[in-house]
Full PDB file with SEQRES, HELIX, SHEET, SSBOND, CRYST1, ORIGX, SCALE, CONECT and MASTER records, all heavy atoms in Angstrom:
SEQRES   1 A   41  ILE TRP CYS VAL VAL GLU LYS GLY ALA CYS ALA ARG ASP          
SEQRES   2 A   41  ARG VAL LYS ALA GLU PHE ASP ASN ALA VAL ALA ALA ALA          
SEQRES   3 A   41  ARG TYR VAL ASP ALA TYR VAL VAL GLY ASN GLU GLY LEU          
SEQRES   4 A   41  ASP ASP                                                      
HELIX    1 AA1 ARG A   12  ALA A   24  1                                  13    
HELIX    2 AA2 ALA A   26  TYR A   28  5                                   3    
SSBOND   1 CYS A    3    CYS A   10                          1555   1555  2.09  
CRYST1    1.000    1.000    1.000  90.00  90.00  90.00 P 1           1          
ORIGX1      1.000000  0.000000  0.000000        0.00000                         
ORIGX2      0.000000  1.000000  0.000000        0.00000                         
ORIGX3      0.000000  0.000000  1.000000        0.00000                         
SCALE1      1.000000  0.000000  0.000000        0.00000                         
SCALE2      0.000000  1.000000  0.000000        0.00000                         
SCALE3      0.000000  0.000000  1.000000        0.00000                         
ATOM      1  N   ILE A   1     -39.423  37.140 -22.269  1.00  0.00           N  
ATOM      2  CA  ILE A   1     -38.473  36.375 -22.184  1.00  0.00           C  
ATOM      3  C   ILE A   1     -37.118  37.145 -22.057  1.00  0.00           C  
ATOM      4  O   ILE A   1     -36.824  38.027 -22.931  1.00  0.00           O  
ATOM      5  CB  ILE A   1     -38.247  35.393 -23.448  1.00  0.00           C  
ATOM      6  CG1 ILE A   1     -39.427  34.371 -23.416  1.00  0.00           C  
ATOM      7  CG2 ILE A   1     -36.954  34.536 -23.381  1.00  0.00           C  
ATOM      8  CD1 ILE A   1     -40.619  34.967 -24.471  1.00  0.00           C  
ATOM      9  N   TRP A   2     -36.374  37.043 -20.991  1.00  0.00           N  
ATOM     10  CA  TRP A   2     -35.288  37.969 -20.698  1.00  0.00           C  
ATOM     11  C   TRP A   2     -33.962  37.382 -21.388  1.00  0.00           C  
ATOM     12  O   TRP A   2     -33.265  38.204 -22.135  1.00  0.00           O  
ATOM     13  CB  TRP A   2     -35.036  38.043 -19.223  1.00  0.00           C  
ATOM     14  CG  TRP A   2     -33.960  39.011 -18.969  1.00  0.00           C  
ATOM     15  CD1 TRP A   2     -32.641  38.767 -18.636  1.00  0.00           C  
ATOM     16  CD2 TRP A   2     -34.171  40.542 -18.969  1.00  0.00           C  
ATOM     17  NE1 TRP A   2     -32.001  39.989 -18.490  1.00  0.00           N  
ATOM     18  CE2 TRP A   2     -32.823  41.063 -18.614  1.00  0.00           C  
ATOM     19  CE3 TRP A   2     -35.134  41.374 -19.086  1.00  0.00           C  
ATOM     20  CZ2 TRP A   2     -32.678  42.459 -18.456  1.00  0.00           C  
ATOM     21  CZ3 TRP A   2     -35.057  42.619 -18.853  1.00  0.00           C  
ATOM     22  CH2 TRP A   2     -33.625  43.180 -18.580  1.00  0.00           C  
ATOM     23  N   CYS A   3     -33.678  36.128 -21.237  1.00  0.00           N  
ATOM     24  CA  CYS A   3     -32.527  35.469 -21.723  1.00  0.00           C  
ATOM     25  C   CYS A   3     -32.701  34.950 -23.195  1.00  0.00           C  
ATOM     26  O   CYS A   3     -33.403  34.031 -23.379  1.00  0.00           O  
ATOM     27  CB  CYS A   3     -31.872  34.529 -20.880  1.00  0.00           C  
ATOM     28  SG  CYS A   3     -31.116  35.144 -19.278  1.00  0.00           S  
ATOM     29  N   VAL A   4     -31.960  35.679 -24.093  1.00  0.00           N  
ATOM     30  CA  VAL A   4     -32.128  35.250 -25.516  1.00  0.00           C  
ATOM     31  C   VAL A   4     -31.121  34.231 -25.937  1.00  0.00           C  
ATOM     32  O   VAL A   4     -31.345  33.307 -26.573  1.00  0.00           O  
ATOM     33  CB  VAL A   4     -32.156  36.496 -26.470  1.00  0.00           C  
ATOM     34  CG1 VAL A   4     -32.017  36.047 -27.917  1.00  0.00           C  
ATOM     35  CG2 VAL A   4     -33.182  37.486 -26.165  1.00  0.00           C  
ATOM     36  N   VAL A   5     -29.704  34.489 -25.589  1.00  0.00           N  
ATOM     37  CA  VAL A   5     -28.645  33.573 -25.741  1.00  0.00           C  
ATOM     38  C   VAL A   5     -27.869  33.438 -24.553  1.00  0.00           C  
ATOM     39  O   VAL A   5     -27.891  34.230 -23.633  1.00  0.00           O  
ATOM     40  CB  VAL A   5     -27.816  34.133 -26.964  1.00  0.00           C  
ATOM     41  CG1 VAL A   5     -28.574  34.257 -28.247  1.00  0.00           C  
ATOM     42  CG2 VAL A   5     -27.256  35.508 -26.729  1.00  0.00           C  
ATOM     43  N   GLU A   6     -26.958  32.334 -24.617  1.00  0.00           N  
ATOM     44  CA  GLU A   6     -26.064  32.138 -23.596  1.00  0.00           C  
ATOM     45  C   GLU A   6     -24.793  33.126 -23.632  1.00  0.00           C  
ATOM     46  O   GLU A   6     -23.992  33.065 -24.477  1.00  0.00           O  
ATOM     47  CB  GLU A   6     -25.511  30.651 -23.656  1.00  0.00           C  
ATOM     48  CG  GLU A   6     -24.480  30.283 -22.553  1.00  0.00           C  
ATOM     49  CD  GLU A   6     -23.878  28.941 -22.863  1.00  0.00           C  
ATOM     50  OE1 GLU A   6     -24.282  28.288 -23.645  1.00  0.00           O  
ATOM     51  OE2 GLU A   6     -22.947  28.704 -22.051  1.00  0.00           O  
ATOM     52  N   LYS A   7     -24.945  34.206 -22.729  1.00  0.00           N  
ATOM     53  CA  LYS A   7     -24.110  35.298 -22.896  1.00  0.00           C  
ATOM     54  C   LYS A   7     -24.214  36.081 -21.553  1.00  0.00           C  
ATOM     55  O   LYS A   7     -25.402  36.266 -20.977  1.00  0.00           O  
ATOM     56  CB  LYS A   7     -24.415  36.194 -23.937  1.00  0.00           C  
ATOM     57  CG  LYS A   7     -23.256  37.288 -24.366  1.00  0.00           C  
ATOM     58  CD  LYS A   7     -23.703  38.124 -25.528  1.00  0.00           C  
ATOM     59  CE  LYS A   7     -23.795  37.280 -26.799  1.00  0.00           C  
ATOM     60  NZ  LYS A   7     -24.036  38.150 -28.034  1.00  0.00           N  
ATOM     61  N   GLY A   8     -23.139  36.677 -20.997  1.00  0.00           N  
ATOM     62  CA  GLY A   8     -23.221  37.445 -19.816  1.00  0.00           C  
ATOM     63  C   GLY A   8     -23.835  36.552 -18.694  1.00  0.00           C  
ATOM     64  O   GLY A   8     -23.307  35.593 -18.318  1.00  0.00           O  
ATOM     65  N   ALA A   9     -24.897  37.317 -18.114  1.00  0.00           N  
ATOM     66  CA  ALA A   9     -25.452  36.695 -16.804  1.00  0.00           C  
ATOM     67  C   ALA A   9     -26.367  35.568 -17.261  1.00  0.00           C  
ATOM     68  O   ALA A   9     -27.085  34.832 -16.441  1.00  0.00           O  
ATOM     69  CB  ALA A   9     -26.297  37.705 -16.050  1.00  0.00           C  
ATOM     70  N   CYS A  10     -26.669  35.354 -18.528  1.00  0.00           N  
ATOM     71  CA  CYS A  10     -27.645  34.238 -19.029  1.00  0.00           C  
ATOM     72  C   CYS A  10     -26.947  32.847 -19.183  1.00  0.00           C  
ATOM     73  O   CYS A  10     -26.351  32.781 -20.290  1.00  0.00           O  
ATOM     74  CB  CYS A  10     -28.410  34.782 -20.376  1.00  0.00           C  
ATOM     75  SG  CYS A  10     -29.419  36.190 -19.889  1.00  0.00           S  
ATOM     76  N   ALA A  11     -27.033  32.038 -18.270  1.00  0.00           N  
ATOM     77  CA  ALA A  11     -26.399  30.699 -18.503  1.00  0.00           C  
ATOM     78  C   ALA A  11     -27.190  29.727 -19.355  1.00  0.00           C  
ATOM     79  O   ALA A  11     -28.362  30.121 -19.608  1.00  0.00           O  
ATOM     80  CB  ALA A  11     -26.195  30.104 -17.128  1.00  0.00           C  
ATOM     81  N   ARG A  12     -26.601  28.804 -19.743  1.00  0.00           N  
ATOM     82  CA  ARG A  12     -27.282  27.920 -20.747  1.00  0.00           C  
ATOM     83  C   ARG A  12     -28.528  27.318 -20.311  1.00  0.00           C  
ATOM     84  O   ARG A  12     -29.508  27.229 -20.951  1.00  0.00           O  
ATOM     85  CB  ARG A  12     -26.329  26.757 -21.254  1.00  0.00           C  
ATOM     86  CG  ARG A  12     -26.918  25.865 -22.115  1.00  0.00           C  
ATOM     87  CD  ARG A  12     -25.928  24.662 -22.523  1.00  0.00           C  
ATOM     88  NE  ARG A  12     -24.777  25.070 -23.069  1.00  0.00           N  
ATOM     89  CZ  ARG A  12     -23.744  24.393 -23.423  1.00  0.00           C  
ATOM     90  NH1 ARG A  12     -23.752  23.084 -23.226  1.00  0.00           N  
ATOM     91  NH2 ARG A  12     -22.651  24.910 -23.952  1.00  0.00           N  
ATOM     92  N   ASP A  13     -28.515  26.865 -18.990  1.00  0.00           N  
ATOM     93  CA  ASP A  13     -29.764  26.288 -18.491  1.00  0.00           C  
ATOM     94  C   ASP A  13     -30.927  27.286 -18.339  1.00  0.00           C  
ATOM     95  O   ASP A  13     -32.035  26.966 -18.522  1.00  0.00           O  
ATOM     96  CB  ASP A  13     -29.552  25.678 -16.991  1.00  0.00           C  
ATOM     97  CG  ASP A  13     -28.946  26.676 -15.956  1.00  0.00           C  
ATOM     98  OD1 ASP A  13     -28.442  27.720 -16.383  1.00  0.00           O  
ATOM     99  OD2 ASP A  13     -29.157  26.358 -14.849  1.00  0.00           O  
ATOM    100  N   ARG A  14     -30.544  28.570 -17.969  1.00  0.00           N  
ATOM    101  CA  ARG A  14     -31.581  29.545 -17.984  1.00  0.00           C  
ATOM    102  C   ARG A  14     -32.259  29.881 -19.320  1.00  0.00           C  
ATOM    103  O   ARG A  14     -33.333  29.962 -19.480  1.00  0.00           O  
ATOM    104  CB  ARG A  14     -31.156  30.798 -17.374  1.00  0.00           C  
ATOM    105  CG  ARG A  14     -32.206  31.976 -17.441  1.00  0.00           C  
ATOM    106  CD  ARG A  14     -31.930  33.125 -16.596  1.00  0.00           C  
ATOM    107  NE  ARG A  14     -32.907  34.164 -16.787  1.00  0.00           N  
ATOM    108  CZ  ARG A  14     -33.040  35.232 -16.059  1.00  0.00           C  
ATOM    109  NH1 ARG A  14     -32.288  35.505 -15.181  1.00  0.00           N  
ATOM    110  NH2 ARG A  14     -34.046  36.149 -16.362  1.00  0.00           N  
ATOM    111  N   VAL A  15     -31.378  29.952 -20.313  1.00  0.00           N  
ATOM    112  CA  VAL A  15     -31.821  30.174 -21.716  1.00  0.00           C  
ATOM    113  C   VAL A  15     -32.815  29.043 -22.130  1.00  0.00           C  
ATOM    114  O   VAL A  15     -33.884  29.411 -22.682  1.00  0.00           O  
ATOM    115  CB  VAL A  15     -30.643  30.361 -22.653  1.00  0.00           C  
ATOM    116  CG1 VAL A  15     -31.071  30.519 -24.184  1.00  0.00           C  
ATOM    117  CG2 VAL A  15     -29.774  31.500 -22.374  1.00  0.00           C  
ATOM    118  N   LYS A  16     -32.407  27.867 -21.944  1.00  0.00           N  
ATOM    119  CA  LYS A  16     -33.263  26.763 -22.264  1.00  0.00           C  
ATOM    120  C   LYS A  16     -34.538  26.695 -21.401  1.00  0.00           C  
ATOM    121  O   LYS A  16     -35.630  26.480 -22.064  1.00  0.00           O  
ATOM    122  CB  LYS A  16     -32.540  25.419 -22.023  1.00  0.00           C  
ATOM    123  CG  LYS A  16     -33.258  24.207 -22.468  1.00  0.00           C  
ATOM    124  CD  LYS A  16     -32.608  23.005 -22.318  1.00  0.00           C  
ATOM    125  CE  LYS A  16     -33.345  21.749 -22.822  1.00  0.00           C  
ATOM    126  NZ  LYS A  16     -34.740  21.569 -22.410  1.00  0.00           N  
ATOM    127  N   ALA A  17     -34.503  26.994 -20.163  1.00  0.00           N  
ATOM    128  CA  ALA A  17     -35.694  27.058 -19.358  1.00  0.00           C  
ATOM    129  C   ALA A  17     -36.632  28.079 -19.747  1.00  0.00           C  
ATOM    130  O   ALA A  17     -37.889  27.948 -19.743  1.00  0.00           O  
ATOM    131  CB  ALA A  17     -35.251  27.026 -17.951  1.00  0.00           C  
ATOM    132  N   GLU A  18     -36.140  29.244 -20.102  1.00  0.00           N  
ATOM    133  CA  GLU A  18     -36.995  30.414 -20.421  1.00  0.00           C  
ATOM    134  C   GLU A  18     -37.785  30.012 -21.667  1.00  0.00           C  
ATOM    135  O   GLU A  18     -39.048  30.191 -21.780  1.00  0.00           O  
ATOM    136  CB  GLU A  18     -36.203  31.705 -20.575  1.00  0.00           C  
ATOM    137  CG  GLU A  18     -35.805  32.322 -19.252  1.00  0.00           C  
ATOM    138  CD  GLU A  18     -35.823  33.655 -19.349  1.00  0.00           C  
ATOM    139  OE1 GLU A  18     -37.016  34.434 -19.457  1.00  0.00           O  
ATOM    140  OE2 GLU A  18     -34.832  34.455 -19.213  1.00  0.00           O  
ATOM    141  N   PHE A  19     -36.980  29.424 -22.630  1.00  0.00           N  
ATOM    142  CA  PHE A  19     -37.677  29.098 -24.004  1.00  0.00           C  
ATOM    143  C   PHE A  19     -38.776  28.038 -23.630  1.00  0.00           C  
ATOM    144  O   PHE A  19     -39.970  28.080 -24.194  1.00  0.00           O  
ATOM    145  CB  PHE A  19     -36.769  28.630 -24.923  1.00  0.00           C  
ATOM    146  CG  PHE A  19     -37.284  28.313 -26.374  1.00  0.00           C  
ATOM    147  CD1 PHE A  19     -37.446  29.386 -27.188  1.00  0.00           C  
ATOM    148  CD2 PHE A  19     -37.678  27.006 -26.668  1.00  0.00           C  
ATOM    149  CE1 PHE A  19     -37.925  29.093 -28.394  1.00  0.00           C  
ATOM    150  CE2 PHE A  19     -38.349  26.717 -27.814  1.00  0.00           C  
ATOM    151  CZ  PHE A  19     -38.358  27.749 -28.810  1.00  0.00           C  
ATOM    152  N   ASP A  20     -38.418  27.011 -22.916  1.00  0.00           N  
ATOM    153  CA  ASP A  20     -39.229  25.849 -22.613  1.00  0.00           C  
ATOM    154  C   ASP A  20     -40.420  26.358 -21.892  1.00  0.00           C  
ATOM    155  O   ASP A  20     -41.647  25.928 -22.156  1.00  0.00           O  
ATOM    156  CB  ASP A  20     -38.639  24.754 -21.874  1.00  0.00           C  
ATOM    157  CG  ASP A  20     -37.547  24.043 -22.708  1.00  0.00           C  
ATOM    158  OD1 ASP A  20     -37.569  24.240 -23.982  1.00  0.00           O  
ATOM    159  OD2 ASP A  20     -36.683  23.318 -22.068  1.00  0.00           O  
ATOM    160  N   ASN A  21     -40.284  27.247 -20.917  1.00  0.00           N  
ATOM    161  CA  ASN A  21     -41.443  27.706 -20.144  1.00  0.00           C  
ATOM    162  C   ASN A  21     -42.405  28.641 -20.956  1.00  0.00           C  
ATOM    163  O   ASN A  21     -43.554  28.592 -20.848  1.00  0.00           O  
ATOM    164  CB  ASN A  21     -40.774  28.502 -19.018  1.00  0.00           C  
ATOM    165  CG  ASN A  21     -40.323  27.622 -17.751  1.00  0.00           C  
ATOM    166  OD1 ASN A  21     -40.444  26.500 -17.859  1.00  0.00           O  
ATOM    167  ND2 ASN A  21     -39.540  28.374 -17.081  1.00  0.00           N  
ATOM    168  N   ALA A  22     -41.692  29.355 -21.812  1.00  0.00           N  
ATOM    169  CA  ALA A  22     -42.595  30.205 -22.787  1.00  0.00           C  
ATOM    170  C   ALA A  22     -43.482  29.256 -23.655  1.00  0.00           C  
ATOM    171  O   ALA A  22     -44.620  29.623 -23.867  1.00  0.00           O  
ATOM    172  CB  ALA A  22     -41.641  31.102 -23.576  1.00  0.00           C  
ATOM    173  N   VAL A  23     -42.942  28.323 -24.174  1.00  0.00           N  
ATOM    174  CA  VAL A  23     -43.655  27.460 -25.109  1.00  0.00           C  
ATOM    175  C   VAL A  23     -44.787  26.805 -24.245  1.00  0.00           C  
ATOM    176  O   VAL A  23     -45.878  26.627 -24.704  1.00  0.00           O  
ATOM    177  CB  VAL A  23     -42.716  26.401 -25.771  1.00  0.00           C  
ATOM    178  CG1 VAL A  23     -43.624  25.318 -26.512  1.00  0.00           C  
ATOM    179  CG2 VAL A  23     -41.788  27.168 -26.761  1.00  0.00           C  
ATOM    180  N   ALA A  24     -44.350  26.235 -23.068  1.00  0.00           N  
ATOM    181  CA  ALA A  24     -45.373  25.606 -22.319  1.00  0.00           C  
ATOM    182  C   ALA A  24     -46.631  26.421 -21.884  1.00  0.00           C  
ATOM    183  O   ALA A  24     -47.711  25.969 -21.637  1.00  0.00           O  
ATOM    184  CB  ALA A  24     -44.716  25.044 -20.990  1.00  0.00           C  
ATOM    185  N   ALA A  25     -46.367  27.751 -21.827  1.00  0.00           N  
ATOM    186  CA  ALA A  25     -47.355  28.605 -21.292  1.00  0.00           C  
ATOM    187  C   ALA A  25     -48.246  29.263 -22.517  1.00  0.00           C  
ATOM    188  O   ALA A  25     -49.145  29.906 -22.279  1.00  0.00           O  
ATOM    189  CB  ALA A  25     -46.692  29.849 -20.669  1.00  0.00           C  
ATOM    190  N   ALA A  26     -47.999  28.715 -23.754  1.00  0.00           N  
ATOM    191  CA  ALA A  26     -48.614  29.393 -24.897  1.00  0.00           C  
ATOM    192  C   ALA A  26     -50.112  29.358 -24.836  1.00  0.00           C  
ATOM    193  O   ALA A  26     -50.737  30.351 -25.262  1.00  0.00           O  
ATOM    194  CB  ALA A  26     -48.183  28.511 -26.167  1.00  0.00           C  
ATOM    195  N   ARG A  27     -50.695  28.451 -24.284  1.00  0.00           N  
ATOM    196  CA  ARG A  27     -52.241  28.337 -24.079  1.00  0.00           C  
ATOM    197  C   ARG A  27     -52.770  29.602 -23.352  1.00  0.00           C  
ATOM    198  O   ARG A  27     -53.959  30.011 -23.456  1.00  0.00           O  
ATOM    199  CB  ARG A  27     -52.687  27.066 -23.433  1.00  0.00           C  
ATOM    200  CG  ARG A  27     -52.232  26.880 -22.094  1.00  0.00           C  
ATOM    201  CD  ARG A  27     -52.654  25.504 -21.529  1.00  0.00           C  
ATOM    202  NE  ARG A  27     -54.117  25.528 -21.340  1.00  0.00           N  
ATOM    203  CZ  ARG A  27     -54.817  24.506 -20.752  1.00  0.00           C  
ATOM    204  NH1 ARG A  27     -54.096  23.412 -20.209  1.00  0.00           N  
ATOM    205  NH2 ARG A  27     -56.117  24.516 -20.652  1.00  0.00           N  
ATOM    206  N   TYR A  28     -51.832  30.180 -22.462  1.00  0.00           N  
ATOM    207  CA  TYR A  28     -52.376  31.262 -21.699  1.00  0.00           C  
ATOM    208  C   TYR A  28     -51.874  32.631 -22.163  1.00  0.00           C  
ATOM    209  O   TYR A  28     -52.281  33.681 -21.540  1.00  0.00           O  
ATOM    210  CB  TYR A  28     -51.831  31.113 -20.147  1.00  0.00           C  
ATOM    211  CG  TYR A  28     -52.049  29.904 -19.581  1.00  0.00           C  
ATOM    212  CD1 TYR A  28     -51.151  28.855 -19.456  1.00  0.00           C  
ATOM    213  CD2 TYR A  28     -53.380  29.394 -19.108  1.00  0.00           C  
ATOM    214  CE1 TYR A  28     -51.366  27.587 -18.835  1.00  0.00           C  
ATOM    215  CE2 TYR A  28     -53.683  28.237 -18.512  1.00  0.00           C  
ATOM    216  CZ  TYR A  28     -52.702  27.277 -18.491  1.00  0.00           C  
ATOM    217  OH  TYR A  28     -52.975  25.976 -17.803  1.00  0.00           O  
ATOM    218  N   VAL A  29     -51.191  32.677 -23.293  1.00  0.00           N  
ATOM    219  CA  VAL A  29     -50.423  33.806 -23.766  1.00  0.00           C  
ATOM    220  C   VAL A  29     -50.972  34.350 -25.008  1.00  0.00           C  
ATOM    221  O   VAL A  29     -51.266  33.509 -25.921  1.00  0.00           O  
ATOM    222  CB  VAL A  29     -48.942  33.519 -23.929  1.00  0.00           C  
ATOM    223  CG1 VAL A  29     -48.169  34.683 -24.545  1.00  0.00           C  
ATOM    224  CG2 VAL A  29     -48.256  33.110 -22.500  1.00  0.00           C  
ATOM    225  N   ASP A  30     -51.145  35.656 -25.156  1.00  0.00           N  
ATOM    226  CA  ASP A  30     -51.625  36.246 -26.395  1.00  0.00           C  
ATOM    227  C   ASP A  30     -50.547  36.518 -27.373  1.00  0.00           C  
ATOM    228  O   ASP A  30     -50.600  36.638 -28.469  1.00  0.00           O  
ATOM    229  CB  ASP A  30     -52.437  37.468 -26.186  1.00  0.00           C  
ATOM    230  CG  ASP A  30     -53.715  37.156 -25.266  1.00  0.00           C  
ATOM    231  OD1 ASP A  30     -54.615  36.617 -25.918  1.00  0.00           O  
ATOM    232  OD2 ASP A  30     -53.663  37.423 -24.155  1.00  0.00           O  
ATOM    233  N   ALA A  31     -49.368  37.041 -26.711  1.00  0.00           N  
ATOM    234  CA  ALA A  31     -48.084  37.401 -27.524  1.00  0.00           C  
ATOM    235  C   ALA A  31     -47.006  37.326 -26.672  1.00  0.00           C  
ATOM    236  O   ALA A  31     -47.107  37.127 -25.481  1.00  0.00           O  
ATOM    237  CB  ALA A  31     -48.373  38.769 -28.164  1.00  0.00           C  
ATOM    238  N   TYR A  32     -45.764  37.348 -27.340  1.00  0.00           N  
ATOM    239  CA  TYR A  32     -44.440  37.290 -26.575  1.00  0.00           C  
ATOM    240  C   TYR A  32     -43.709  38.554 -26.821  1.00  0.00           C  
ATOM    241  O   TYR A  32     -43.764  39.062 -28.032  1.00  0.00           O  
ATOM    242  CB  TYR A  32     -43.762  36.061 -26.879  1.00  0.00           C  
ATOM    243  CG  TYR A  32     -44.405  34.812 -26.516  1.00  0.00           C  
ATOM    244  CD1 TYR A  32     -45.169  34.021 -27.407  1.00  0.00           C  
ATOM    245  CD2 TYR A  32     -44.101  34.121 -25.319  1.00  0.00           C  
ATOM    246  CE1 TYR A  32     -45.736  32.838 -27.121  1.00  0.00           C  
ATOM    247  CE2 TYR A  32     -44.655  32.999 -24.953  1.00  0.00           C  
ATOM    248  CZ  TYR A  32     -45.522  32.233 -25.845  1.00  0.00           C  
ATOM    249  OH  TYR A  32     -46.151  31.044 -25.535  1.00  0.00           O  
ATOM    250  N   VAL A  33     -42.850  38.870 -25.957  1.00  0.00           N  
ATOM    251  CA  VAL A  33     -41.885  39.973 -26.100  1.00  0.00           C  
ATOM    252  C   VAL A  33     -40.512  39.364 -25.717  1.00  0.00           C  
ATOM    253  O   VAL A  33     -40.221  38.949 -24.637  1.00  0.00           O  
ATOM    254  CB  VAL A  33     -42.175  41.426 -25.476  1.00  0.00           C  
ATOM    255  CG1 VAL A  33     -42.391  41.130 -23.902  1.00  0.00           C  
ATOM    256  CG2 VAL A  33     -41.100  42.362 -25.745  1.00  0.00           C  
ATOM    257  N   VAL A  34     -39.586  39.290 -26.722  1.00  0.00           N  
ATOM    258  CA  VAL A  34     -38.314  38.749 -26.447  1.00  0.00           C  
ATOM    259  C   VAL A  34     -37.393  39.737 -26.253  1.00  0.00           C  
ATOM    260  O   VAL A  34     -37.037  40.656 -27.037  1.00  0.00           O  
ATOM    261  CB  VAL A  34     -37.898  37.845 -27.721  1.00  0.00           C  
ATOM    262  CG1 VAL A  34     -36.487  37.274 -27.471  1.00  0.00           C  
ATOM    263  CG2 VAL A  34     -39.051  36.683 -27.888  1.00  0.00           C  
ATOM    264  N   GLY A  35     -36.594  39.629 -25.097  1.00  0.00           N  
ATOM    265  CA  GLY A  35     -35.581  40.634 -24.687  1.00  0.00           C  
ATOM    266  C   GLY A  35     -36.232  41.961 -24.316  1.00  0.00           C  
ATOM    267  O   GLY A  35     -37.501  42.148 -24.373  1.00  0.00           O  
ATOM    268  N   ASN A  36     -35.376  42.916 -23.832  1.00  0.00           N  
ATOM    269  CA  ASN A  36     -35.818  44.146 -23.387  1.00  0.00           C  
ATOM    270  C   ASN A  36     -34.567  45.138 -23.351  1.00  0.00           C  
ATOM    271  O   ASN A  36     -33.721  44.900 -22.561  1.00  0.00           O  
ATOM    272  CB  ASN A  36     -36.415  43.966 -21.890  1.00  0.00           C  
ATOM    273  CG  ASN A  36     -36.827  45.327 -21.344  1.00  0.00           C  
ATOM    274  OD1 ASN A  36     -36.054  45.994 -20.874  1.00  0.00           O  
ATOM    275  ND2 ASN A  36     -38.161  45.568 -21.620  1.00  0.00           N  
ATOM    276  N   GLU A  37     -34.491  45.989 -24.221  1.00  0.00           N  
ATOM    277  CA  GLU A  37     -33.509  47.040 -24.259  1.00  0.00           C  
ATOM    278  C   GLU A  37     -32.093  46.398 -24.239  1.00  0.00           C  
ATOM    279  O   GLU A  37     -31.224  46.728 -23.580  1.00  0.00           O  
ATOM    280  CB  GLU A  37     -33.615  48.019 -23.084  1.00  0.00           C  
ATOM    281  CG  GLU A  37     -34.890  48.738 -22.995  1.00  0.00           C  
ATOM    282  CD  GLU A  37     -35.029  49.583 -21.760  1.00  0.00           C  
ATOM    283  OE1 GLU A  37     -34.399  50.807 -21.780  1.00  0.00           O  
ATOM    284  OE2 GLU A  37     -35.587  49.146 -20.767  1.00  0.00           O  
ATOM    285  N   GLY A  38     -32.000  45.369 -25.139  1.00  0.00           N  
ATOM    286  CA  GLY A  38     -30.722  44.584 -25.088  1.00  0.00           C  
ATOM    287  C   GLY A  38     -29.836  44.851 -26.387  1.00  0.00           C  
ATOM    288  O   GLY A  38     -28.624  44.447 -26.283  1.00  0.00           O  
ATOM    289  N   LEU A  39     -30.403  45.282 -27.405  1.00  0.00           N  
ATOM    290  CA  LEU A  39     -29.599  45.504 -28.632  1.00  0.00           C  
ATOM    291  C   LEU A  39     -28.232  46.444 -28.409  1.00  0.00           C  
ATOM    292  O   LEU A  39     -27.252  46.224 -29.126  1.00  0.00           O  
ATOM    293  CB  LEU A  39     -30.415  46.054 -29.651  1.00  0.00           C  
ATOM    294  CG  LEU A  39     -31.433  44.954 -30.317  1.00  0.00           C  
ATOM    295  CD1 LEU A  39     -32.350  45.609 -31.419  1.00  0.00           C  
ATOM    296  CD2 LEU A  39     -30.603  43.864 -31.003  1.00  0.00           C  
ATOM    297  N   ASP A  40     -28.359  47.239 -27.550  1.00  0.00           N  
ATOM    298  CA  ASP A  40     -27.238  48.182 -27.328  1.00  0.00           C  
ATOM    299  C   ASP A  40     -26.153  47.673 -26.293  1.00  0.00           C  
ATOM    300  O   ASP A  40     -25.173  48.258 -26.027  1.00  0.00           O  
ATOM    301  CB  ASP A  40     -27.629  49.577 -26.890  1.00  0.00           C  
ATOM    302  CG  ASP A  40     -28.369  50.280 -27.920  1.00  0.00           C  
ATOM    303  OD1 ASP A  40     -28.141  50.108 -29.060  1.00  0.00           O  
ATOM    304  OD2 ASP A  40     -29.347  51.197 -27.636  1.00  0.00           O  
ATOM    305  N   ASP A  41     -26.491  46.542 -25.844  1.00  0.00           N  
ATOM    306  CA  ASP A  41     -25.709  45.885 -24.726  1.00  0.00           C  
ATOM    307  C   ASP A  41     -24.964  44.561 -25.353  1.00  0.00           C  
ATOM    308  O   ASP A  41     -25.614  43.606 -25.547  1.00  0.00           O  
ATOM    309  CB  ASP A  41     -26.480  45.473 -23.542  1.00  0.00           C  
ATOM    310  CG  ASP A  41     -25.684  44.985 -22.297  1.00  0.00           C  
ATOM    311  OD1 ASP A  41     -24.499  44.804 -22.467  1.00  0.00           O  
ATOM    312  OD2 ASP A  41     -26.138  44.791 -21.324  1.00  0.00           O  
TER     313      ASP A  41                                                      
CONECT   28   75                                                                
CONECT   75   28                                                                
MASTER        0    0    0    2    0    0    0    6  312    1    2    4          
END                                                                             
């Protein structure tokens, strides 16, 4: 999941869609990784 919060290039609709899509895909997923090299940005 790339967009964690509504900030910078991550608009509100994308943040919501990424979360909803991740939840919807749970039956196919073994684990999730939220964000990527973002704490310093």
